[in-house]
Amino acid sequence: MKQFKLVLLMFIVIGFTNCNNDDPIAEETPQITINELLPKNTQYGSDQDGEFDDWIEIYNPADEDQDISGYYLTDSKKNLTKWKFPAGTKITANGYLIVWADEDSTHVSGLHTNYKLSADGENIVLLSPTQEVINLVEYPATVLEQSYARKPNGTGDFQWATPTFNGAND
């Protein structure tokens, strides 16, 4: 019986080490990402009430819409579930989604977090519904009207730039 278990274990190990990772079915869909954020906004993109609040732009690099209902966005590593995307939240294929970081969750429309972005710098964390970290952005102190953006769009390193509200950072 001991030899049978050993042989079975060897087959399992060999089977896993010989898996073909080039299988197109096994390829992952590109993940959404934090693409840009603007901690001190007075003129780049206004919410449905015409207010120029801080914002976070989420980008979907996939060729299909992504449902992010139940995902989390937080500015606190100690409180990962600080703000949750409501049911029905989708990002269009190769599209952008603006989340207003204005500490005002009384709005009927739009996505408004229960926290503001700090101009002194902080962390923004995007998490899956199971609280798996998808993206963590640590940004330094900023000056007025500079966004912290990925260049090139969606994949590059973050740098301070002129805001490109709801559009490519290229």
C-alpha atoms as a PDB file:
ATOM      1  CA  MET A   1       0.000   0.000   0.000  1.00  0.00           C
ATOM      2  CA  LYS A   2       2.870   2.376   0.816  1.00  0.00           C
ATOM      3  CA  GLN A   3       4.440   1.764  -2.616  1.00  0.00           C
ATOM      4  CA  PHE A   4       1.080   2.411  -4.328  1.00  0.00           C
ATOM      5  CA  LYS A   5       0.773   5.803  -2.573  1.00  0.00           C
ATOM      6  CA  LEU A   6       4.337   6.686  -3.546  1.00  0.00           C
ATOM      7  CA  VAL A   7       3.728   5.791  -7.202  1.00  0.00           C
ATOM      8  CA  LEU A   8       0.464   7.740  -7.210  1.00  0.00           C
ATOM      9  CA  LEU A   9       2.208  10.768  -5.716  1.00  0.00           C
ATOM     10  CA  MET A  10       4.919  10.577  -8.400  1.00  0.00           C
ATOM     11  CA  PHE A  11       2.282  10.568 -11.176  1.00  0.00           C
ATOM     12  CA  ILE A  12       0.586  13.592  -9.662  1.00  0.00           C
ATOM     13  CA  VAL A  13       3.848  15.532  -9.365  1.00  0.00           C
ATOM     14  CA  ILE A  14       4.930  14.612 -12.906  1.00  0.00           C
ATOM     15  CA  GLY A  15       1.483  15.558 -14.225  1.00  0.00           C
ATOM     16  CA  PHE A  16       1.638  19.021 -12.659  1.00  0.00           C
ATOM     17  CA  THR A  17       5.194  19.720 -13.772  1.00  0.00           C
ATOM     18  CA  ASN A  18       4.361  18.801 -17.367  1.00  0.00           C
ATOM     19  CA  CYS A  19       1.336  21.091 -17.666  1.00  0.00           C
ATOM     20  CA  ASN A  20       1.372  23.097 -20.875  1.00  0.00           C
ATOM     21  CA  ASN A  21       1.085  26.782 -19.979  1.00  0.00           C
ATOM     22  CA  ASP A  22       0.673  27.719 -23.655  1.00  0.00           C
ATOM     23  CA  ASP A  23      -2.911  26.466 -23.633  1.00  0.00           C
ATOM     24  CA  PRO A  24      -5.042  29.425 -24.836  1.00  0.00           C
ATOM     25  CA  ILE A  25      -7.864  28.402 -22.509  1.00  0.00           C
ATOM     26  CA  ALA A  26      -5.529  28.772 -19.533  1.00  0.00           C
ATOM     27  CA  GLU A  27      -4.613  32.367 -20.436  1.00  0.00           C
ATOM     28  CA  GLU A  28      -5.924  34.924 -17.973  1.00  0.00           C
ATOM     29  CA  THR A  29      -8.083  37.860 -18.958  1.00  0.00           C
ATOM     30  CA  PRO A  30      -6.134  41.101 -18.489  1.00  0.00           C
ATOM     31  CA  GLN A  31      -6.947  42.543 -15.095  1.00  0.00           C
ATOM     32  CA  ILE A  32      -8.422  45.912 -14.413  1.00  0.00           C
ATOM     33  CA  THR A  33      -5.965  48.385 -12.974  1.00  0.00           C
ATOM     34  CA  ILE A  34      -5.732  51.745 -11.284  1.00  0.00           C
ATOM     35  CA  ASN A  35      -4.646  53.908 -14.202  1.00  0.00           C
ATOM     36  CA  GLU A  36      -4.657  57.471 -12.894  1.00  0.00           C
ATOM     37  CA  LEU A  37      -5.611  59.488  -9.836  1.00  0.00           C
ATOM     38  CA  LEU A  38      -5.998  63.176  -9.118  1.00  0.00           C
ATOM     39  CA  PRO A  39      -5.683  64.184  -5.441  1.00  0.00           C
ATOM     40  CA  LYS A  40      -6.177  67.980  -5.865  1.00  0.00           C
ATOM     41  CA  ASN A  41      -8.745  68.707  -8.546  1.00  0.00           C
ATOM     42  CA  THR A  42     -10.202  72.118  -9.404  1.00  0.00           C
ATOM     43  CA  GLN A  43     -10.656  71.846 -13.177  1.00  0.00           C
ATOM     44  CA  TYR A  44     -10.168  68.337 -14.647  1.00  0.00           C
ATOM     45  CA  GLY A  45     -13.433  66.425 -14.846  1.00  0.00           C
ATOM     46  CA  SER A  46     -16.479  67.175 -12.756  1.00  0.00           C
ATOM     47  CA  ASP A  47     -19.045  64.825 -11.246  1.00  0.00           C
ATOM     48  CA  GLN A  48     -22.775  64.817 -12.069  1.00  0.00           C
ATOM     49  CA  ASP A  49     -23.257  67.870  -9.813  1.00  0.00           C
ATOM     50  CA  GLY A  50     -20.535  69.911 -11.531  1.00  0.00           C
ATOM     51  CA  GLU A  51     -18.142  69.508  -8.585  1.00  0.00           C
ATOM     52  CA  PHE A  52     -14.412  69.084  -9.214  1.00  0.00           C
ATOM     53  CA  ASP A  53     -13.634  66.387  -6.671  1.00  0.00           C
ATOM     54  CA  ASP A  54     -10.642  64.074  -6.339  1.00  0.00           C
ATOM     55  CA  TRP A  55     -10.923  61.051  -8.618  1.00  0.00           C
ATOM     56  CA  ILE A  56      -9.489  57.620  -9.326  1.00  0.00           C
ATOM     57  CA  GLU A  57      -9.572  56.190 -12.835  1.00  0.00           C
ATOM     58  CA  ILE A  58      -9.851  52.412 -13.260  1.00  0.00           C
ATOM     59  CA  TYR A  59      -8.883  50.956 -16.658  1.00  0.00           C
ATOM     60  CA  ASN A  60     -10.075  47.742 -18.295  1.00  0.00           C
ATOM     61  CA  PRO A  61      -7.463  46.515 -20.828  1.00  0.00           C
ATOM     62  CA  ALA A  62      -9.587  43.516 -21.860  1.00  0.00           C
ATOM     63  CA  ASP A  63     -11.498  43.251 -25.120  1.00  0.00           C
ATOM     64  CA  GLU A  64     -14.685  42.515 -23.190  1.00  0.00           C
ATOM     65  CA  ASP A  65     -16.666  44.318 -20.518  1.00  0.00           C
ATOM     66  CA  GLN A  66     -15.685  43.517 -16.915  1.00  0.00           C
ATOM     67  CA  ASP A  67     -18.186  43.334 -14.064  1.00  0.00           C
ATOM     68  CA  ILE A  68     -16.490  44.622 -10.906  1.00  0.00           C
ATOM     69  CA  SER A  69     -19.474  44.392  -8.588  1.00  0.00           C
ATOM     70  CA  GLY A  70     -18.251  43.626  -5.083  1.00  0.00           C
ATOM     71  CA  TYR A  71     -14.642  44.717  -5.677  1.00  0.00           C
ATOM     72  CA  TYR A  72     -13.094  47.092  -3.140  1.00  0.00           C
ATOM     73  CA  LEU A  73     -11.193  50.356  -3.372  1.00  0.00           C
ATOM     74  CA  THR A  74      -9.510  51.714  -0.260  1.00  0.00           C
ATOM     75  CA  ASP A  75      -6.963  54.239   0.949  1.00  0.00           C
ATOM     76  CA  SER A  76      -6.187  52.151   4.032  1.00  0.00           C
ATOM     77  CA  LYS A  77      -4.092  48.992   4.211  1.00  0.00           C
ATOM     78  CA  LYS A  78      -5.725  48.373   7.602  1.00  0.00           C
ATOM     79  CA  ASN A  79      -9.297  48.647   6.287  1.00  0.00           C
ATOM     80  CA  LEU A  80      -9.331  46.769   2.962  1.00  0.00           C
ATOM     81  CA  THR A  81     -13.120  46.824   2.650  1.00  0.00           C
ATOM     82  CA  LYS A  82     -13.489  50.562   3.235  1.00  0.00           C
ATOM     83  CA  TRP A  83     -15.448  51.163   0.001  1.00  0.00           C
ATOM     84  CA  LYS A  84     -17.191  48.549  -2.142  1.00  0.00           C
ATOM     85  CA  PHE A  85     -18.235  48.816  -5.792  1.00  0.00           C
ATOM     86  CA  PRO A  86     -22.026  48.460  -5.913  1.00  0.00           C
ATOM     87  CA  ALA A  87     -23.868  45.696  -7.751  1.00  0.00           C
ATOM     88  CA  GLY A  88     -24.051  46.258 -11.499  1.00  0.00           C
ATOM     89  CA  THR A  89     -20.746  48.157 -11.757  1.00  0.00           C
ATOM     90  CA  LYS A  90     -19.126  47.410 -15.119  1.00  0.00           C
ATOM     91  CA  ILE A  91     -16.181  48.764 -17.066  1.00  0.00           C
ATOM     92  CA  THR A  92     -16.533  48.636 -20.825  1.00  0.00           C
ATOM     93  CA  ALA A  93     -13.982  46.827 -22.977  1.00  0.00           C
ATOM     94  CA  ASN A  94     -10.772  48.900 -23.215  1.00  0.00           C
ATOM     95  CA  GLY A  95     -12.607  51.545 -21.200  1.00  0.00           C
ATOM     96  CA  TYR A  96     -12.298  53.712 -18.128  1.00  0.00           C
ATOM     97  CA  LEU A  97     -14.356  54.114 -14.985  1.00  0.00           C
ATOM     98  CA  ILE A  98     -14.127  57.214 -12.797  1.00  0.00           C
ATOM     99  CA  VAL A  99     -14.581  56.862  -9.042  1.00  0.00           C
ATOM    100  CA  TRP A 100     -15.025  60.119  -7.140  1.00  0.00           C
ATOM    101  CA  ALA A 101     -12.958  60.202  -3.937  1.00  0.00           C
ATOM    102  CA  ASP A 102     -15.021  62.911  -2.295  1.00  0.00           C
ATOM    103  CA  GLU A 103     -16.158  61.406   1.010  1.00  0.00           C
ATOM    104  CA  ASP A 104     -19.758  61.921  -0.098  1.00  0.00           C
ATOM    105  CA  SER A 105     -21.752  58.718  -0.436  1.00  0.00           C
ATOM    106  CA  THR A 106     -25.113  60.554  -0.473  1.00  0.00           C
ATOM    107  CA  HIS A 107     -25.095  60.903  -4.283  1.00  0.00           C
ATOM    108  CA  VAL A 108     -27.777  58.943  -6.083  1.00  0.00           C
ATOM    109  CA  SER A 109     -25.723  58.526  -9.266  1.00  0.00           C
ATOM    110  CA  GLY A 110     -22.037  58.040  -9.948  1.00  0.00           C
ATOM    111  CA  LEU A 111     -19.465  56.226  -7.827  1.00  0.00           C
ATOM    112  CA  HIS A 112     -18.475  58.210  -4.732  1.00  0.00           C
ATOM    113  CA  THR A 113     -16.145  56.812  -2.061  1.00  0.00           C
ATOM    114  CA  ASN A 114     -16.421  57.410   1.670  1.00  0.00           C
ATOM    115  CA  TYR A 115     -12.916  58.943   1.726  1.00  0.00           C
ATOM    116  CA  LYS A 116     -10.912  61.673  -0.019  1.00  0.00           C
ATOM    117  CA  LEU A 117      -7.452  61.423  -1.505  1.00  0.00           C
ATOM    118  CA  SER A 118      -4.657  63.026   0.486  1.00  0.00           C
ATOM    119  CA  ALA A 119      -2.523  65.631  -1.261  1.00  0.00           C
ATOM    120  CA  ASP A 120       0.233  64.614   1.161  1.00  0.00           C
ATOM    121  CA  GLY A 121       0.462  61.184  -0.500  1.00  0.00           C
ATOM    122  CA  GLU A 122      -0.956  57.812   0.522  1.00  0.00           C
ATOM    123  CA  ASN A 123      -1.885  54.334  -0.742  1.00  0.00           C
ATOM    124  CA  ILE A 124      -4.782  53.359  -2.969  1.00  0.00           C
ATOM    125  CA  VAL A 125      -5.589  49.640  -3.104  1.00  0.00           C
ATOM    126  CA  LEU A 126      -7.897  47.829  -5.539  1.00  0.00           C
ATOM    127  CA  LEU A 127      -9.088  44.420  -4.305  1.00  0.00           C
ATOM    128  CA  SER A 128     -11.172  41.555  -5.629  1.00  0.00           C
ATOM    129  CA  PRO A 129     -14.399  40.529  -3.856  1.00  0.00           C
ATOM    130  CA  THR A 130     -12.298  37.944  -1.943  1.00  0.00           C
ATOM    131  CA  GLN A 131      -9.965  40.772  -0.827  1.00  0.00           C
ATOM    132  CA  GLU A 132      -7.095  39.672  -3.054  1.00  0.00           C
ATOM    133  CA  VAL A 133      -4.931  42.706  -3.930  1.00  0.00           C
ATOM    134  CA  ILE A 134      -5.213  43.460  -7.639  1.00  0.00           C
ATOM    135  CA  ASN A 135      -3.360  46.742  -7.599  1.00  0.00           C
ATOM    136  CA  LEU A 136      -1.599  48.879  -4.995  1.00  0.00           C
ATOM    137  CA  VAL A 137      -0.524  52.420  -5.793  1.00  0.00           C
ATOM    138  CA  GLU A 138       1.608  54.446  -3.397  1.00  0.00           C
ATOM    139  CA  TYR A 139       1.812  58.063  -4.434  1.00  0.00           C
ATOM    140  CA  PRO A 140       3.886  60.899  -2.951  1.00  0.00           C
ATOM    141  CA  ALA A 141       2.745  64.416  -2.055  1.00  0.00           C
ATOM    142  CA  THR A 142       1.386  66.384  -4.991  1.00  0.00           C
ATOM    143  CA  VAL A 143       0.881  69.899  -6.229  1.00  0.00           C
ATOM    144  CA  LEU A 144      -2.414  71.281  -7.512  1.00  0.00           C
ATOM    145  CA  GLU A 145      -3.715  69.866 -10.817  1.00  0.00           C
ATOM    146  CA  GLN A 146      -1.180  67.083 -11.316  1.00  0.00           C
ATOM    147  CA  SER A 147      -2.404  63.525 -11.729  1.00  0.00           C
ATOM    148  CA  TYR A 148      -0.444  60.403 -10.873  1.00  0.00           C
ATOM    149  CA  ALA A 149      -0.773  58.363 -14.049  1.00  0.00           C
ATOM    150  CA  ARG A 150       0.545  55.219 -15.730  1.00  0.00           C
ATOM    151  CA  LYS A 151       2.622  55.915 -18.827  1.00  0.00           C
ATOM    152  CA  PRO A 152       2.187  54.170 -21.124  1.00  0.00           C
ATOM    153  CA  ASN A 153      -1.501  53.839 -20.486  1.00  0.00           C
ATOM    154  CA  GLY A 154      -2.584  50.874 -18.369  1.00  0.00           C
ATOM    155  CA  THR A 155       0.823  49.222 -18.025  1.00  0.00           C
ATOM    156  CA  GLY A 156       3.568  51.740 -17.380  1.00  0.00           C
ATOM    157  CA  ASP A 157       5.100  53.177 -14.274  1.00  0.00           C
ATOM    158  CA  PHE A 158       3.317  55.971 -12.449  1.00  0.00           C
ATOM    159  CA  GLN A 159       4.491  59.556 -12.871  1.00  0.00           C
ATOM    160  CA  TRP A 160       3.103  63.037 -12.290  1.00  0.00           C
ATOM    161  CA  ALA A 161       1.458  64.420 -15.430  1.00  0.00           C
ATOM    162  CA  THR A 162      -1.239  66.674 -16.801  1.00  0.00           C
ATOM    163  CA  PRO A 163      -4.553  64.902 -16.067  1.00  0.00           C
ATOM    164  CA  THR A 164      -6.231  62.929 -18.849  1.00  0.00           C
ATOM    165  CA  PHE A 165      -9.656  62.502 -17.258  1.00  0.00           C
ATOM    166  CA  ASN A 166     -11.421  59.380 -18.556  1.00  0.00           C
ATOM    167  CA  GLY A 167      -8.879  58.874 -21.356  1.00  0.00           C
ATOM    168  CA  ALA A 168      -5.546  57.368 -22.347  1.00  0.00           C
ATOM    169  CA  ASN A 169      -2.415  58.631 -20.574  1.00  0.00           C
ATOM    170  CA  ASP A 170      -0.243  58.564 -23.705  1.00  0.00           C
END
